[in-house]
Structures are given as C-alpha cells and as structure tokens.
Amino acid sequence: MKQQTIPEIQAMIMNMDNDEMNSLIETIRFRRKQLSSEAKKKFKVGDKVYFVSRKVGKIYGTVEKINRKNILVDQTNGMQSWNVSPTFLTLDK
C-alpha cells in the first residue's frame, strides 16, 4: 500500500459513523484471518524458524505442530515451547 494513501484513509476513518466503523473493523478482522492463513501455509512440521521477542530478541526453534490459529514452536535448546502467530514466524535458512 502506498504511504500517501494512509493519511487519506485515516482522514476518512475520522469522518465515519459507528455503523461504518463496525463494518470497517469486520473487514480488517477478515483480512487478518486471510493473512494468517496464507502465512500458515508456508510452514510445515519440522521447519526451522525464528521469531523476534521484545524481551529476548530472536528465538530460534522448530515447528512442532500447526494449530488452527497458531503454530507451536519448540525452542532450539529444548527449554520452552511457544504458540506463535504464523505472521510473526520467519523460515530460518
């Protein structure tokens, strides 16, 4: 999406009534589900992946299970498992 359209969209949102806002929110939720589903298709059990934690930094692991919404990642050192949204995961090369 072009950066110049963001301010235009923000201005339009500021002029919406409650019903229009509710419709927009539902559209955003639907699109997020689509993006998550598309991202989930990129992974399979056994893939080496990583994600970035605010507290720890990059966390490397292996895909253990693909759930309906999240992916279970077993940390490389075997100390912990994480339920991570597929949109936050990156394949480790």
PDB file of N, CA and C in Angstrom:
ATOM      1  N   MET A   1       0.840  -1.174   0.000  1.00  0.00           N
ATOM      2  CA  MET A   1       0.000   0.000   0.000  1.00  0.00           C
ATOM      3  C   MET A   1       0.887   1.240   0.000  1.00  0.00           C
ATOM      4  N   LYS A   2       0.503   2.208  -0.744  1.00  0.00           N
ATOM      5  CA  LYS A   2       1.272   3.443  -0.832  1.00  0.00           C
ATOM      6  C   LYS A   2       1.154   4.230   0.467  1.00  0.00           C
ATOM      7  N   GLN A   3       2.262   4.814   0.895  1.00  0.00           N
ATOM      8  CA  GLN A   3       2.261   5.616   2.114  1.00  0.00           C
ATOM      9  C   GLN A   3       1.358   6.840   2.003  1.00  0.00           C
ATOM     10  N   GLN A   4       1.247   7.391   0.803  1.00  0.00           N
ATOM     11  CA  GLN A   4       0.432   8.595   0.650  1.00  0.00           C
ATOM     12  C   GLN A   4      -1.040   8.319   0.869  1.00  0.00           C
ATOM     13  N   THR A   5      -1.481   7.076   0.746  1.00  0.00           N
ATOM     14  CA  THR A   5      -2.895   6.782   0.954  1.00  0.00           C
ATOM     15  C   THR A   5      -3.235   6.604   2.432  1.00  0.00           C
ATOM     16  N   ILE A   6      -2.269   6.329   3.294  1.00  0.00           N
ATOM     17  CA  ILE A   6      -2.532   6.137   4.720  1.00  0.00           C
ATOM     18  C   ILE A   6      -3.189   7.381   5.336  1.00  0.00           C
ATOM     19  N   PRO A   7      -2.638   8.578   5.148  1.00  0.00           N
ATOM     20  CA  PRO A   7      -3.308   9.759   5.715  1.00  0.00           C
ATOM     21  C   PRO A   7      -4.727   9.962   5.176  1.00  0.00           C
ATOM     22  N   GLU A   8      -4.936   9.609   3.909  1.00  0.00           N
ATOM     23  CA  GLU A   8      -6.270   9.731   3.332  1.00  0.00           C
ATOM     24  C   GLU A   8      -7.240   8.769   4.024  1.00  0.00           C
ATOM     25  N   ILE A   9      -6.781   7.540   4.247  1.00  0.00           N
ATOM     26  CA  ILE A   9      -7.618   6.544   4.925  1.00  0.00           C
ATOM     27  C   ILE A   9      -7.903   6.985   6.355  1.00  0.00           C
ATOM     28  N   GLN A  10      -6.887   7.496   7.040  1.00  0.00           N
ATOM     29  CA  GLN A  10      -7.077   7.973   8.408  1.00  0.00           C
ATOM     30  C   GLN A  10      -8.090   9.115   8.460  1.00  0.00           C
ATOM     31  N   ALA A  11      -8.036   9.997   7.491  1.00  0.00           N
ATOM     32  CA  ALA A  11      -8.994  11.103   7.445  1.00  0.00           C
ATOM     33  C   ALA A  11     -10.412  10.578   7.214  1.00  0.00           C
ATOM     34  N   MET A  12     -10.549   9.590   6.361  1.00  0.00           N
ATOM     35  CA  MET A  12     -11.864   9.001   6.109  1.00  0.00           C
ATOM     36  C   MET A  12     -12.407   8.337   7.368  1.00  0.00           C
ATOM     37  N   ILE A  13     -11.537   7.646   8.107  1.00  0.00           N
ATOM     38  CA  ILE A  13     -11.961   6.978   9.341  1.00  0.00           C
ATOM     39  C   ILE A  13     -12.485   7.997  10.353  1.00  0.00           C
ATOM     40  N   MET A  14     -11.832   9.133  10.436  1.00  0.00           N
ATOM     41  CA  MET A  14     -12.243  10.170  11.386  1.00  0.00           C
ATOM     42  C   MET A  14     -13.639  10.719  11.082  1.00  0.00           C
ATOM     43  N   ASN A  15     -14.111  10.531   9.856  1.00  0.00           N
ATOM     44  CA  ASN A  15     -15.437  11.026   9.461  1.00  0.00           C
ATOM     45  C   ASN A  15     -16.512   9.940   9.460  1.00  0.00           C
ATOM     46  N   MET A  16     -16.175   8.715   9.890  1.00  0.00           N
ATOM     47  CA  MET A  16     -17.134   7.617   9.864  1.00  0.00           C
ATOM     48  C   MET A  16     -18.063   7.657  11.073  1.00  0.00           C
ATOM     49  N   ASP A  17     -19.290   7.138  10.853  1.00  0.00           N
ATOM     50  CA  ASP A  17     -20.190   6.962  11.993  1.00  0.00           C
ATOM     51  C   ASP A  17     -19.969   5.561  12.569  1.00  0.00           C
ATOM     52  N   ASN A  18     -20.693   5.218  13.604  1.00  0.00           N
ATOM     53  CA  ASN A  18     -20.481   3.958  14.320  1.00  0.00           C
ATOM     54  C   ASN A  18     -20.708   2.730  13.435  1.00  0.00           C
ATOM     55  N   ASP A  19     -21.761   2.735  12.626  1.00  0.00           N
ATOM     56  CA  ASP A  19     -22.044   1.588  11.754  1.00  0.00           C
ATOM     57  C   ASP A  19     -20.934   1.385  10.725  1.00  0.00           C
ATOM     58  N   GLU A  20     -20.445   2.474  10.172  1.00  0.00           N
ATOM     59  CA  GLU A  20     -19.347   2.371   9.205  1.00  0.00           C
ATOM     60  C   GLU A  20     -18.074   1.858   9.876  1.00  0.00           C
ATOM     61  N   MET A  21     -17.829   2.301  11.106  1.00  0.00           N
ATOM     62  CA  MET A  21     -16.654   1.822  11.851  1.00  0.00           C
ATOM     63  C   MET A  21     -16.753   0.325  12.121  1.00  0.00           C
ATOM     64  N   ASN A  22     -17.942  -0.150  12.505  1.00  0.00           N
ATOM     65  CA  ASN A  22     -18.138  -1.575  12.761  1.00  0.00           C
ATOM     66  C   ASN A  22     -17.889  -2.396  11.502  1.00  0.00           C
ATOM     67  N   SER A  23     -18.359  -1.895  10.380  1.00  0.00           N
ATOM     68  CA  SER A  23     -18.134  -2.577   9.112  1.00  0.00           C
ATOM     69  C   SER A  23     -16.644  -2.624   8.768  1.00  0.00           C
ATOM     70  N   LEU A  24     -15.948  -1.531   8.992  1.00  0.00           N
ATOM     71  CA  LEU A  24     -14.512  -1.478   8.738  1.00  0.00           C
ATOM     72  C   LEU A  24     -13.755  -2.454   9.633  1.00  0.00           C
ATOM     73  N   ILE A  25     -14.127  -2.513  10.905  1.00  0.00           N
ATOM     74  CA  ILE A  25     -13.475  -3.420  11.846  1.00  0.00           C
ATOM     75  C   ILE A  25     -13.651  -4.869  11.409  1.00  0.00           C
ATOM     76  N   GLU A  26     -14.855  -5.234  10.968  1.00  0.00           N
ATOM     77  CA  GLU A  26     -15.090  -6.596  10.489  1.00  0.00           C
ATOM     78  C   GLU A  26     -14.245  -6.910   9.255  1.00  0.00           C
ATOM     79  N   THR A  27     -14.110  -5.937   8.367  1.00  0.00           N
ATOM     80  CA  THR A  27     -13.277  -6.121   7.174  1.00  0.00           C
ATOM     81  C   THR A  27     -11.815  -6.334   7.556  1.00  0.00           C
ATOM     82  N   ILE A  28     -11.333  -5.570   8.519  1.00  0.00           N
ATOM     83  CA  ILE A  28      -9.949  -5.712   8.973  1.00  0.00           C
ATOM     84  C   ILE A  28      -9.739  -7.076   9.618  1.00  0.00           C
ATOM     85  N   ARG A  29     -10.676  -7.509  10.444  1.00  0.00           N
ATOM     86  CA  ARG A  29     -10.566  -8.846  11.070  1.00  0.00           C
ATOM     87  C   ARG A  29     -10.518  -9.942  10.010  1.00  0.00           C
ATOM     88  N   PHE A  30     -11.386  -9.833   9.002  1.00  0.00           N
ATOM     89  CA  PHE A  30     -11.406 -10.823   7.931  1.00  0.00           C
ATOM     90  C   PHE A  30     -10.068 -10.873   7.188  1.00  0.00           C
ATOM     91  N   ARG A  31      -9.522  -9.696   6.884  1.00  0.00           N
ATOM     92  CA  ARG A  31      -8.243  -9.633   6.164  1.00  0.00           C
ATOM     93  C   ARG A  31      -7.116 -10.195   7.004  1.00  0.00           C
ATOM     94  N   ARG A  32      -7.120  -9.938   8.298  1.00  0.00           N
ATOM     95  CA  ARG A  32      -6.082 -10.505   9.180  1.00  0.00           C
ATOM     96  C   ARG A  32      -6.150 -12.024   9.205  1.00  0.00           C
ATOM     97  N   LYS A  33      -7.363 -12.578   9.208  1.00  0.00           N
ATOM     98  CA  LYS A  33      -7.516 -14.042   9.162  1.00  0.00           C
ATOM     99  C   LYS A  33      -6.957 -14.585   7.847  1.00  0.00           C
ATOM    100  N   GLN A  34      -7.227 -13.878   6.744  1.00  0.00           N
ATOM    101  CA  GLN A  34      -6.684 -14.291   5.453  1.00  0.00           C
ATOM    102  C   GLN A  34      -5.162 -14.294   5.462  1.00  0.00           C
ATOM    103  N   LEU A  35      -4.562 -13.222   5.975  1.00  0.00           N
ATOM    104  CA  LEU A  35      -3.101 -13.123   6.021  1.00  0.00           C
ATOM    105  C   LEU A  35      -2.500 -14.217   6.891  1.00  0.00           C
ATOM    106  N   SER A  36      -3.130 -14.501   8.011  1.00  0.00           N
ATOM    107  CA  SER A  36      -2.646 -15.549   8.907  1.00  0.00           C
ATOM    108  C   SER A  36      -2.728 -16.920   8.227  1.00  0.00           C
ATOM    109  N   SER A  37      -3.825 -17.165   7.537  1.00  0.00           N
ATOM    110  CA  SER A  37      -3.993 -18.436   6.830  1.00  0.00           C
ATOM    111  C   SER A  37      -2.951 -18.599   5.726  1.00  0.00           C
ATOM    112  N   GLU A  38      -2.703 -17.517   4.985  1.00  0.00           N
ATOM    113  CA  GLU A  38      -1.691 -17.566   3.927  1.00  0.00           C
ATOM    114  C   GLU A  38      -0.304 -17.808   4.518  1.00  0.00           C
ATOM    115  N   ALA A  39      -0.002 -17.158   5.627  1.00  0.00           N
ATOM    116  CA  ALA A  39       1.302 -17.323   6.267  1.00  0.00           C
ATOM    117  C   ALA A  39       1.462 -18.739   6.806  1.00  0.00           C
ATOM    118  N   LYS A  40       0.391 -19.306   7.336  1.00  0.00           N
ATOM    119  CA  LYS A  40       0.438 -20.652   7.911  1.00  0.00           C
ATOM    120  C   LYS A  40       0.784 -21.703   6.852  1.00  0.00           C
ATOM    121  N   LYS A  41       0.358 -21.475   5.623  1.00  0.00           N
ATOM    122  CA  LYS A  41       0.612 -22.431   4.541  1.00  0.00           C
ATOM    123  C   LYS A  41       2.094 -22.526   4.178  1.00  0.00           C
ATOM    124  N   LYS A  42       2.890 -21.538   4.589  1.00  0.00           N
ATOM    125  CA  LYS A  42       4.317 -21.521   4.271  1.00  0.00           C
ATOM    126  C   LYS A  42       5.130 -22.474   5.154  1.00  0.00           C
ATOM    127  N   PHE A  43       4.521 -22.969   6.235  1.00  0.00           N
ATOM    128  CA  PHE A  43       5.260 -23.773   7.202  1.00  0.00           C
ATOM    129  C   PHE A  43       4.754 -25.198   7.249  1.00  0.00           C
ATOM    130  N   LYS A  44       5.665 -26.109   7.614  1.00  0.00           N
ATOM    131  CA  LYS A  44       5.286 -27.498   7.846  1.00  0.00           C
ATOM    132  C   LYS A  44       6.043 -27.988   9.073  1.00  0.00           C
ATOM    133  N   VAL A  45       5.553 -29.055   9.676  1.00  0.00           N
ATOM    134  CA  VAL A  45       6.191 -29.615  10.863  1.00  0.00           C
ATOM    135  C   VAL A  45       7.635 -29.976  10.525  1.00  0.00           C
ATOM    136  N   GLY A  46       8.547 -29.571  11.407  1.00  0.00           N
ATOM    137  CA  GLY A  46       9.970 -29.845  11.215  1.00  0.00           C
ATOM    138  C   GLY A  46      10.757 -28.670  10.659  1.00  0.00           C
ATOM    139  N   ASP A  47      10.051 -27.641  10.153  1.00  0.00           N
ATOM    140  CA  ASP A  47      10.742 -26.460   9.630  1.00  0.00           C
ATOM    141  C   ASP A  47      11.497 -25.751  10.746  1.00  0.00           C
ATOM    142  N   LYS A  48      12.660 -25.239  10.413  1.00  0.00           N
ATOM    143  CA  LYS A  48      13.436 -24.402  11.325  1.00  0.00           C
ATOM    144  C   LYS A  48      12.955 -22.967  11.127  1.00  0.00           C
ATOM    145  N   VAL A  49      12.567 -22.330  12.215  1.00  0.00           N
ATOM    146  CA  VAL A  49      12.002 -20.987  12.147  1.00  0.00           C
ATOM    147  C   VAL A  49      12.584 -20.115  13.253  1.00  0.00           C
ATOM    148  N   TYR A  50      12.282 -18.834  13.150  1.00  0.00           N
ATOM    149  CA  TYR A  50      12.572 -17.924  14.256  1.00  0.00           C
ATOM    150  C   TYR A  50      11.525 -16.831  14.294  1.00  0.00           C
ATOM    151  N   PHE A  51      11.420 -16.208  15.456  1.00  0.00           N
ATOM    152  CA  PHE A  51      10.575 -15.036  15.626  1.00  0.00           C
ATOM    153  C   PHE A  51      11.281 -14.099  16.591  1.00  0.00           C
ATOM    154  N   VAL A  52      10.848 -12.865  16.616  1.00  0.00           N
ATOM    155  CA  VAL A  52      11.506 -11.860  17.446  1.00  0.00           C
ATOM    156  C   VAL A  52      10.638 -11.567  18.668  1.00  0.00           C
ATOM    157  N   SER A  53      11.256 -11.734  19.837  1.00  0.00           N
ATOM    158  CA  SER A  53      10.604 -11.410  21.100  1.00  0.00           C
ATOM    159  C   SER A  53      11.079 -10.041  21.555  1.00  0.00           C
ATOM    160  N   ARG A  54      10.177  -9.264  22.113  1.00  0.00           N
ATOM    161  CA  ARG A  54      10.559  -7.934  22.594  1.00  0.00           C
ATOM    162  C   ARG A  54      11.587  -8.021  23.719  1.00  0.00           C
ATOM    163  N   LYS A  55      11.457  -9.029  24.564  1.00  0.00           N
ATOM    164  CA  LYS A  55      12.335  -9.136  25.728  1.00  0.00           C
ATOM    165  C   LYS A  55      13.646  -9.843  25.428  1.00  0.00           C
ATOM    166  N   VAL A  56      13.602 -10.875  24.579  1.00  0.00           N
ATOM    167  CA  VAL A  56      14.763 -11.743  24.386  1.00  0.00           C
ATOM    168  C   VAL A  56      15.480 -11.507  23.059  1.00  0.00           C
ATOM    169  N   GLY A  57      14.768 -11.022  22.061  1.00  0.00           N
ATOM    170  CA  GLY A  57      15.346 -10.897  20.726  1.00  0.00           C
ATOM    171  C   GLY A  57      14.905 -12.077  19.869  1.00  0.00           C
ATOM    172  N   LYS A  58      15.779 -12.520  18.974  1.00  0.00           N
ATOM    173  CA  LYS A  58      15.425 -13.637  18.087  1.00  0.00           C
ATOM    174  C   LYS A  58      15.389 -14.940  18.870  1.00  0.00           C
ATOM    175  N   ILE A  59      14.307 -15.692  18.656  1.00  0.00           N
ATOM    176  CA  ILE A  59      14.160 -17.012  19.263  1.00  0.00           C
ATOM    177  C   ILE A  59      14.063 -18.017  18.123  1.00  0.00           C
ATOM    178  N   TYR A  60      14.995 -18.955  18.110  1.00  0.00           N
ATOM    179  CA  TYR A  60      15.048 -19.979  17.070  1.00  0.00           C
ATOM    180  C   TYR A  60      14.380 -21.245  17.580  1.00  0.00           C
ATOM    181  N   GLY A  61      13.728 -21.956  16.665  1.00  0.00           N
ATOM    182  CA  GLY A  61      13.079 -23.198  17.053  1.00  0.00           C
ATOM    183  C   GLY A  61      12.650 -24.004  15.851  1.00  0.00           C
ATOM    184  N   THR A  62      11.885 -25.053  16.156  1.00  0.00           N
ATOM    185  CA  THR A  62      11.391 -25.986  15.152  1.00  0.00           C
ATOM    186  C   THR A  62       9.874 -26.065  15.254  1.00  0.00           C
ATOM    187  N   VAL A  63       9.204 -26.078  14.116  1.00  0.00           N
ATOM    188  CA  VAL A  63       7.745 -26.215  14.104  1.00  0.00           C
ATOM    189  C   VAL A  63       7.396 -27.621  14.579  1.00  0.00           C
ATOM    190  N   GLU A  64       6.645 -27.678  15.674  1.00  0.00           N
ATOM    191  CA  GLU A  64       6.229 -28.969  16.238  1.00  0.00           C
ATOM    192  C   GLU A  64       4.812 -29.345  15.819  1.00  0.00           C
ATOM    193  N   LYS A  65       3.941 -28.334  15.761  1.00  0.00           N
ATOM    194  CA  LYS A  65       2.541 -28.597  15.435  1.00  0.00           C
ATOM    195  C   LYS A  65       1.931 -27.341  14.832  1.00  0.00           C
ATOM    196  N   ILE A  66       1.060 -27.527  13.857  1.00  0.00           N
ATOM    197  CA  ILE A  66       0.349 -26.407  13.247  1.00  0.00           C
ATOM    198  C   ILE A  66      -1.103 -26.475  13.720  1.00  0.00           C
ATOM    199  N   ASN A  67      -1.455 -25.532  14.576  1.00  0.00           N
ATOM    200  CA  ASN A  67      -2.813 -25.455  15.113  1.00  0.00           C
ATOM    201  C   ASN A  67      -3.687 -24.605  14.209  1.00  0.00           C
ATOM    202  N   ARG A  68      -4.940 -24.464  14.599  1.00  0.00           N
ATOM    203  CA  ARG A  68      -5.888 -23.716  13.784  1.00  0.00           C
ATOM    204  C   ARG A  68      -5.478 -22.255  13.615  1.00  0.00           C
ATOM    205  N   LYS A  69      -5.040 -21.607  14.703  1.00  0.00           N
ATOM    206  CA  LYS A  69      -4.673 -20.195  14.624  1.00  0.00           C
ATOM    207  C   LYS A  69      -3.181 -19.959  14.776  1.00  0.00           C
ATOM    208  N   ASN A  70      -2.511 -20.751  15.588  1.00  0.00           N
ATOM    209  CA  ASN A  70      -1.106 -20.535  15.891  1.00  0.00           C
ATOM    210  C   ASN A  70      -0.259 -21.744  15.531  1.00  0.00           C
ATOM    211  N   ILE A  71       1.048 -21.558  15.579  1.00  0.00           N
ATOM    212  CA  ILE A  71       1.991 -22.638  15.307  1.00  0.00           C
ATOM    213  C   ILE A  71       2.804 -22.865  16.573  1.00  0.00           C
ATOM    214  N   LEU A  72       2.902 -24.121  16.999  1.00  0.00           N
ATOM    215  CA  LEU A  72       3.686 -24.485  18.172  1.00  0.00           C
ATOM    216  C   LEU A  72       5.144 -24.622  17.757  1.00  0.00           C
ATOM    217  N   VAL A  73       6.001 -23.803  18.364  1.00  0.00           N
ATOM    218  CA  VAL A  73       7.421 -23.792  18.048  1.00  0.00           C
ATOM    219  C   VAL A  73       8.183 -24.254  19.278  1.00  0.00           C
ATOM    220  N   ASP A  74       9.004 -25.306  19.110  1.00  0.00           N
ATOM    221  CA  ASP A  74       9.858 -25.799  20.190  1.00  0.00           C
ATOM    222  C   ASP A  74      11.200 -25.087  20.075  1.00  0.00           C
ATOM    223  N   GLN A  75      11.579 -24.388  21.142  1.00  0.00           N
ATOM    224  CA  GLN A  75      12.817 -23.629  21.125  1.00  0.00           C
ATOM    225  C   GLN A  75      13.996 -24.564  20.882  1.00  0.00           C
ATOM    226  N   THR A  76      14.996 -24.087  20.138  1.00  0.00           N
ATOM    227  CA  THR A  76      16.127 -24.903  19.703  1.00  0.00           C
ATOM    228  C   THR A  76      16.800 -25.624  20.857  1.00  0.00           C
ATOM    229  N   ASN A  77      16.954 -24.967  21.987  1.00  0.00           N
ATOM    230  CA  ASN A  77      17.626 -25.618  23.106  1.00  0.00           C
ATOM    231  C   ASN A  77      16.704 -26.541  23.897  1.00  0.00           C
ATOM    232  N   GLY A  78      15.450 -26.661  23.463  1.00  0.00           N
ATOM    233  CA  GLY A  78      14.509 -27.590  24.083  1.00  0.00           C
ATOM    234  C   GLY A  78      13.965 -27.134  25.421  1.00  0.00           C
ATOM    235  N   MET A  79      14.238 -25.916  25.793  1.00  0.00           N
ATOM    236  CA  MET A  79      13.835 -25.426  27.104  1.00  0.00           C
ATOM    237  C   MET A  79      12.377 -24.981  27.158  1.00  0.00           C
ATOM    238  N   GLN A  80      11.815 -24.564  26.020  1.00  0.00           N
ATOM    239  CA  GLN A  80      10.487 -23.981  26.051  1.00  0.00           C
ATOM    240  C   GLN A  80       9.794 -24.143  24.713  1.00  0.00           C
ATOM    241  N   SER A  81       8.463 -24.190  24.756  1.00  0.00           N
ATOM    242  CA  SER A  81       7.649 -24.183  23.544  1.00  0.00           C
ATOM    243  C   SER A  81       6.837 -22.904  23.521  1.00  0.00           C
ATOM    244  N   TRP A  82       6.600 -22.408  22.324  1.00  0.00           N
ATOM    245  CA  TRP A  82       5.879 -21.155  22.146  1.00  0.00           C
ATOM    246  C   TRP A  82       4.727 -21.357  21.162  1.00  0.00           C
ATOM    247  N   ASN A  83       3.566 -20.770  21.450  1.00  0.00           N
ATOM    248  CA  ASN A  83       2.462 -20.687  20.500  1.00  0.00           C
ATOM    249  C   ASN A  83       2.592 -19.342  19.808  1.00  0.00           C
ATOM    250  N   VAL A  84       2.877 -19.363  18.511  1.00  0.00           N
ATOM    251  CA  VAL A  84       3.197 -18.140  17.790  1.00  0.00           C
ATOM    252  C   VAL A  84       2.261 -17.990  16.592  1.00  0.00           C
ATOM    253  N   SER A  85       1.801 -16.771  16.374  1.00  0.00           N
ATOM    254  CA  SER A  85       1.023 -16.481  15.178  1.00  0.00           C
ATOM    255  C   SER A  85       1.923 -16.678  13.962  1.00  0.00           C
ATOM    256  N   PRO A  86       1.428 -17.323  12.915  1.00  0.00           N
ATOM    257  CA  PRO A  86       2.267 -17.568  11.731  1.00  0.00           C
ATOM    258  C   PRO A  86       2.778 -16.289  11.074  1.00  0.00           C
ATOM    259  N   THR A  87       2.102 -15.170  11.291  1.00  0.00           N
ATOM    260  CA  THR A  87       2.559 -13.922  10.687  1.00  0.00           C
ATOM    261  C   THR A  87       3.827 -13.404  11.350  1.00  0.00           C
ATOM    262  N   PHE A  88       4.168 -13.911  12.535  1.00  0.00           N
ATOM    263  CA  PHE A  88       5.382 -13.486  13.236  1.00  0.00           C
ATOM    264  C   PHE A  88       6.574 -14.392  12.948  1.00  0.00           C
ATOM    265  N   LEU A  89       6.336 -15.529  12.299  1.00  0.00           N
ATOM    266  CA  LEU A  89       7.416 -16.501  12.049  1.00  0.00           C
ATOM    267  C   LEU A  89       8.132 -16.237  10.735  1.00  0.00           C
ATOM    268  N   THR A  90       9.425 -16.584  10.734  1.00  0.00           N
ATOM    269  CA  THR A  90      10.247 -16.499   9.535  1.00  0.00           C
ATOM    270  C   THR A  90      11.005 -17.818   9.402  1.00  0.00           C
ATOM    271  N   LEU A  91      11.069 -18.355   8.185  1.00  0.00           N
ATOM    272  CA  LEU A  91      11.859 -19.566   7.953  1.00  0.00           C
ATOM    273  C   LEU A  91      13.330 -19.259   8.170  1.00  0.00           C
ATOM    274  N   ASP A  92      14.006 -20.146   8.890  1.00  0.00           N
ATOM    275  CA  ASP A  92      15.434 -19.986   9.136  1.00  0.00           C
ATOM    276  C   ASP A  92      16.179 -20.765   8.061  1.00  0.00           C
ATOM    277  N   LYS A  93      17.039 -20.077   7.340  1.00  0.00           N
ATOM    278  CA  LYS A  93      17.744 -20.715   6.225  1.00  0.00           C
ATOM    279  C   LYS A  93      18.970 -21.427   6.684  1.00  0.00           C
TER     280      LYS A  93
END
